[in-house]
Amino acid sequence: MIVSILRFLVIFIFMTGVAQAANPQVTIETTQGDFTVELYPEKAPKTVENFLQYVRDGFYKDTIFHRVINGFMIQGGGISKELKEKKTRAKINSEANNGLKNQLGTIAMARTADPDSATAQFFINLNDNRFLDFKGLTPNEYGYTVFGKVIDGLDMVVRIGAQPTGANAMFSSDAPKEAVVIQKISVIESK
C-alpha cells in the first residue's frame, strides 16, 4: 500500500511539473517603476547565463535606457547615466535560432550587424516585431536572440517607451529627454 502511494506521488509530481525547476526571474528597478522578467535558459542557455553574470556582477546598476522608440522597443544595459559606454566582457554567439519570437514584452539581446556580437545591452519589444526574428543563416536573416519575457509590470515598460525623445550628447535621436535609469537588476530567489 505504501509503495503504491509513493509511486502515485512520484508520477503525480512528474506529470504536474512540480519537480521541474522554475525558470529564473529578475526584477528590473528603474526610475519609472519596476518590472519582472522570466528568463528561458532551456531556449537560450548561453545568453541567459551571460545576462545573469552581468546581473550578479552589478553591471547594470545606474545604466540607462538610452534608446527608446515608442511602439517598437526600449534598449538599455550598456550606457551609464553619465552617458559613458561601459566596458563589457567578450561577445557571445547568437542563439536567435531558438524558436522564440520578438513579441510584445519579450527581452532580446542588442547587437551590431554581426549576429555574434551581443555583450550586455538588451531590448524589450513594445510590439510584435517579426522582422527581428530568425529567418535564415545569413547575417541579414539571423535575427535577434530572445531570451525571456516581461511577466509583471509591462505597463512600466510601455510607460518607458512613451517617454519624449530626442538627441543628447551621445545619440542623434531616440534618447529619452529625461533619463530612465536602471537602478538595479536582481535575481528573484526561489523559495
Protein backbone atom coordinates (compact mmCIF):
# COMPACT_ATOMS: atom_id res chain seq x y z
CA MET A 1 0.00 0.00 0.00
CA ILE A 2 2.75 2.50 0.95
CA VAL A 3 4.70 1.62 -2.21
CA SER A 4 1.60 2.30 -4.31
CA ILE A 5 1.06 5.69 -2.67
CA LEU A 6 4.71 6.67 -3.16
CA ARG A 7 4.58 5.55 -6.80
CA PHE A 8 1.42 7.64 -7.29
CA LEU A 9 3.05 10.71 -5.71
CA VAL A 10 6.15 10.38 -7.90
CA ILE A 11 4.00 10.08 -11.03
CA PHE A 12 1.80 12.99 -9.91
CA ILE A 13 4.79 15.25 -9.25
CA PHE A 14 6.36 14.31 -12.58
CA MET A 15 3.12 14.85 -14.54
CA THR A 16 2.29 18.20 -12.94
CA GLY A 17 5.79 19.56 -13.37
CA VAL A 18 6.17 20.35 -9.68
CA ALA A 19 9.56 18.64 -9.68
CA GLN A 20 10.86 20.84 -12.50
CA ALA A 21 12.99 23.82 -11.60
CA ALA A 22 11.32 27.15 -12.28
CA ASN A 23 12.84 29.48 -14.83
CA PRO A 24 14.99 32.22 -13.28
CA GLN A 25 13.36 35.62 -12.84
CA VAL A 26 14.83 39.07 -12.37
CA THR A 27 13.41 42.35 -11.14
CA ILE A 28 14.46 45.42 -13.10
CA GLU A 29 14.15 48.52 -10.92
CA THR A 30 14.03 51.81 -12.82
CA THR A 31 13.29 55.44 -12.09
CA GLN A 32 9.96 54.92 -13.91
CA GLY A 33 8.94 51.81 -11.94
CA ASP A 34 9.84 48.14 -11.62
CA PHE A 35 9.07 45.11 -13.75
CA THR A 36 9.82 41.39 -13.64
CA VAL A 37 11.33 39.29 -16.42
CA GLU A 38 11.27 35.50 -16.65
CA LEU A 39 14.31 34.07 -18.45
CA TYR A 40 14.36 30.98 -20.70
CA PRO A 41 17.62 29.07 -20.14
CA GLU A 42 16.35 25.98 -21.99
CA LYS A 43 15.94 28.02 -25.18
CA ALA A 44 18.92 30.40 -24.83
CA PRO A 45 21.35 28.92 -22.27
CA LYS A 46 24.46 30.95 -23.17
CA THR A 47 22.51 34.19 -23.45
CA VAL A 48 20.74 33.71 -20.12
CA GLU A 49 23.99 32.80 -18.36
CA ASN A 50 25.71 35.85 -19.89
CA PHE A 51 22.87 38.16 -18.77
CA LEU A 52 22.76 36.64 -15.27
CA GLN A 53 26.53 37.06 -14.89
CA TYR A 54 26.18 40.77 -15.66
CA VAL A 55 23.32 40.90 -13.12
CA ARG A 56 25.39 39.12 -10.43
CA ASP A 57 28.31 41.48 -11.12
CA GLY A 58 26.09 44.54 -10.56
CA PHE A 59 26.95 45.72 -14.08
CA TYR A 60 23.51 47.19 -14.83
CA LYS A 61 23.37 49.45 -11.75
CA ASP A 62 22.92 53.07 -12.85
CA THR A 63 22.80 52.31 -16.57
CA ILE A 64 20.06 53.88 -18.68
CA PHE A 65 17.54 53.01 -21.33
CA HIS A 66 19.39 55.05 -23.93
CA ARG A 67 17.31 54.20 -26.99
CA VAL A 68 13.51 54.40 -26.82
CA ILE A 69 11.19 54.09 -29.81
CA ASN A 70 7.51 54.13 -28.91
CA GLY A 71 5.65 51.16 -30.36
CA PHE A 72 8.93 49.41 -31.21
CA MET A 73 11.32 48.81 -28.28
CA ILE A 74 13.35 50.17 -25.37
CA GLN A 75 17.10 49.45 -25.30
CA GLY A 76 19.49 49.67 -22.38
CA GLY A 77 22.14 47.99 -20.32
CA GLY A 78 25.38 49.41 -21.65
CA ILE A 79 25.46 53.17 -21.13
CA SER A 80 25.92 54.80 -17.72
CA LYS A 81 23.70 57.65 -16.54
CA GLU A 82 26.76 59.86 -17.14
CA LEU A 83 26.46 58.86 -20.84
CA LYS A 84 29.61 56.75 -20.85
CA GLU A 85 29.74 53.36 -22.56
CA LYS A 86 30.55 50.64 -20.03
CA LYS A 87 33.32 48.11 -20.63
CA THR A 88 31.88 44.67 -21.30
CA ARG A 89 33.06 41.08 -21.34
CA ALA A 90 33.61 39.15 -24.58
CA LYS A 91 30.92 38.90 -27.24
CA ILE A 92 28.64 35.86 -27.21
CA ASN A 93 27.36 33.73 -30.06
CA SER A 94 23.80 34.31 -31.19
CA GLU A 95 21.07 31.91 -30.13
CA ALA A 96 18.40 33.58 -32.29
CA ASN A 97 17.58 30.23 -33.92
CA ASN A 98 15.84 29.01 -30.75
CA GLY A 99 12.20 29.22 -31.85
CA LEU A 100 11.39 32.27 -29.68
CA LYS A 101 9.88 35.30 -31.40
CA ASN A 102 10.34 39.05 -30.83
CA GLN A 103 6.83 39.57 -29.50
CA LEU A 104 5.36 42.22 -27.23
CA GLY A 105 7.09 42.07 -23.84
CA THR A 106 9.97 39.78 -24.83
CA ILE A 107 13.55 40.65 -23.97
CA ALA A 108 16.28 40.15 -26.57
CA MET A 109 19.98 40.88 -26.95
CA ALA A 110 21.07 44.00 -28.79
CA ARG A 111 23.97 43.57 -31.20
CA THR A 112 25.74 45.10 -34.21
CA ALA A 113 25.32 43.84 -37.80
CA ASP A 114 27.34 40.77 -36.75
CA PRO A 115 24.91 38.21 -35.25
CA ASP A 116 27.63 37.04 -32.83
CA SER A 117 28.34 40.47 -31.32
CA ALA A 118 25.99 40.73 -28.32
CA THR A 119 27.54 41.66 -24.97
CA ALA A 120 25.47 43.34 -22.24
CA GLN A 121 22.88 45.51 -23.98
CA PHE A 122 19.33 44.23 -24.31
CA PHE A 123 16.00 45.49 -25.56
CA ILE A 124 12.39 44.86 -24.70
CA ASN A 125 9.89 44.67 -27.53
CA LEU A 126 6.93 47.05 -27.37
CA ASN A 127 5.22 45.30 -30.27
CA ASP A 128 5.31 42.03 -32.20
CA ASN A 129 8.48 42.79 -34.19
CA ARG A 130 8.54 39.84 -36.61
CA PHE A 131 11.22 41.45 -38.77
CA LEU A 132 13.65 40.89 -35.86
CA ASP A 133 13.02 37.11 -35.79
CA PHE A 134 15.41 34.45 -37.07
CA LYS A 135 14.75 33.66 -40.74
CA GLY A 136 17.99 32.14 -42.00
CA LEU A 137 21.74 31.77 -41.54
CA THR A 138 22.92 34.90 -43.37
CA PRO A 139 23.74 37.95 -41.19
CA ASN A 140 20.73 39.85 -42.60
CA GLU A 141 18.34 36.99 -41.78
CA TYR A 142 19.75 35.85 -38.44
CA GLY A 143 17.57 37.99 -36.21
CA TYR A 144 17.94 38.83 -32.53
CA THR A 145 18.13 36.39 -29.63
CA VAL A 146 15.01 36.39 -27.47
CA PHE A 147 15.82 35.02 -24.01
CA GLY A 148 12.88 35.93 -21.78
CA LYS A 149 9.66 37.84 -21.29
CA VAL A 150 8.22 40.51 -19.01
CA ILE A 151 5.74 38.70 -16.74
CA ASP A 152 4.85 41.57 -14.42
CA GLY A 153 4.95 45.32 -14.95
CA LEU A 154 4.59 45.51 -18.73
CA ASP A 155 2.74 48.80 -18.13
CA MET A 156 6.04 50.21 -16.76
CA VAL A 157 7.88 49.10 -19.90
CA VAL A 158 5.21 50.74 -22.08
CA ARG A 159 5.49 53.92 -19.96
CA ILE A 160 9.25 54.00 -20.61
CA GLY A 161 8.52 53.54 -24.32
CA ALA A 162 6.23 56.57 -24.30
CA GLN A 163 8.91 58.95 -22.97
CA PRO A 164 9.60 62.03 -25.12
CA THR A 165 12.86 61.52 -27.02
CA GLY A 166 15.40 63.48 -28.99
CA ALA A 167 19.14 63.95 -29.30
CA ASN A 168 21.65 64.12 -26.46
CA ALA A 169 25.43 64.32 -26.18
CA MET A 170 25.85 60.72 -27.33
CA PHE A 171 22.91 59.97 -29.66
CA SER A 172 21.42 61.86 -32.58
CA SER A 173 17.86 60.69 -31.83
CA ASP A 174 15.66 58.32 -29.80
CA ALA A 175 17.26 59.21 -26.44
CA PRO A 176 14.78 59.90 -23.63
CA LYS A 177 14.78 63.61 -22.80
CA GLU A 178 14.62 62.64 -19.11
CA ALA A 179 17.00 59.79 -18.24
CA VAL A 180 15.34 56.47 -17.45
CA VAL A 181 17.86 54.90 -15.07
CA ILE A 182 18.13 51.20 -14.32
CA GLN A 183 18.76 51.44 -10.60
CA LYS A 184 19.32 47.73 -10.15
CA ILE A 185 18.61 44.33 -11.64
CA SER A 186 18.37 41.49 -9.16
CA VAL A 187 17.63 37.79 -9.33
CA ILE A 188 14.45 36.74 -7.55
CA GLU A 189 15.47 33.88 -5.29
CA SER A 190 13.13 30.89 -5.44
CA LYS A 191 11.53 29.87 -2.19
